[in-house]
């Protein structure tokens, strides 16, 4: 934004500090009014005819803008990806404990990557791995973001909260 001496338009549509229009004034007269009220002359819309300018405290305006942006950043919830690993030899109680952990992560707004790792001869039971992922999905009341993916001896699926 152009302020004070950076403005080179000969005529401006001037707006006062409280938002009321002062009409068309020359650049010099607008600069004089800004100097008299101890504020800055800020060009708002350079494309209009005549360009629109406002009398305001520019430093205070910039401070409020940065404060507002930082407030929006702090209020924004970023979801992270958590991972919970399983084995197909997991006991029923351990499965329930880990499923509750998945449910807790989902309630906090995070996505959860459920990974089932097969070791050695367990590779023969690939259908059990997908069945285990389905059990966790039902137990945590979740939806799959994508289908179950296989990468070597790992079966994984990303779960999101059920709406």
Foldseek 3Di string as FASTA:
>chain_A
DDKQPRDDQQKEFEAEPVGHTPGIDGSVVVNVVLVVVVFMWAFDAVPDVNTYIYTHHVVVVVVVVVVVVVVVVVPDDDAEEAEDEDELPDDPVVLLVSLVVCLVSQVVVHKYKYKYFYDDPSVVVVVSRLVSVVVSCVSSVWDWPDHWDDDPRMTITITHHDD
